[in-house]
Amino acid sequence: MNILITGGTGFIGDELRSLLLKKGHDLVIVTRSPKEYEDENAKNQRFIAWNDDLVAAVNNVDAVINLAGENIFAWRWTPEKKERILNSRIRVTTRLTEAMAESENKPDIFISASGASIYGDRGDEMLNESEASSDDFLANVCVKWESASQKVSELGIRVVNPRIGVVLEEGGGALEKMIPPFKFFVGGPIGTGNQYMSWIHRTDLCRSFIFALENEQVEGAYNACSPNPVTMNEFSKTLGAVMNRPAIFKVPEFAINMVMGEVAKTVTDSIRMQPKKLQEAGFHFLFEELEEALADIL
């Protein structure tokens, strides 16, 4: 397939590109700085800028994968930061949908990312894709993000929205923040420890994208997470065991709220998802259990 990707040079995009290239697909990567990747240009991979002709770019692809968006992690969400988080997602998604609408030969599928945060803080409730969205800031971002992507469904393009959980791999994501305290023997759970984390190994996340590309029955939103979510207490205990470190130094919820403000919700909210649609479609996880995922990564 010919595939156009936004966000293809990031934490998730790097792994996705690697897997797609191994399967023989041809890639077009939209990036702010294509010159930085001149050494990676090849017959089956090229980099273009956002100010290049997007209509021409999508006119020659079978699929579009949208992973672009402002990083949600910062010490505090100022009003300006919140605006960038929302606008970066809507603006990119809208540009892509408009380009697809104008193209003569439209892609078959549009995979546009979303987030587990769409469900909000739901305690022990088991969440599949039919559950209602929440009404906090990140949930509303996800709702608007998905809505923007769904506009091309009217053009006969299959739209898929992976609601991505906590992505696990070295070099980025949650582990990049959690590993250092454990290395220095001061790691432990954050908040109450009873909140659920819906996690997924980065390889399985990227494999789920490829599964959606190859299986027409995958459509609309799907929960991109392991079938075995864990509490923060369980996560910390397992991470400590894999690293041969204690997990006894708890960070109280009031302390993280004081330091991070509203951003703390990204780690203190309880989201217990099940990947019901993926499982029903026949997707096989390489890493279903947290311990085996962390052992593979670390």
Foldseek 3Di string as FASTA:
>chain_A
DEEEEEPLVDPLNVLLVVVCVVVPAAYEYEDQCQVVCPVVDDPRYGYDYPPPLLLVVQLPGQEYEYDDFDDLDDLECDVVNLCRRQCRLLVVLLVNLVSQVPHPRHHQAYEYEAALCQQWFDAPDEDWPVDHGDPDSRNVSRVSNLVSNCPCVVVNHFYEYEHEFQEDAPPDTPCVVQVVCQVVQQAAFEAPQRAKGFYAYSNQLSVVVVVCVVDVVRGYYFYSGAQDIDTSRVLQCLLCVLVVHDHPNYHHHVNSCVRRPPSCSSRHGHRNYGRVVCVVSPDDGPDRDPNVSSNVRD
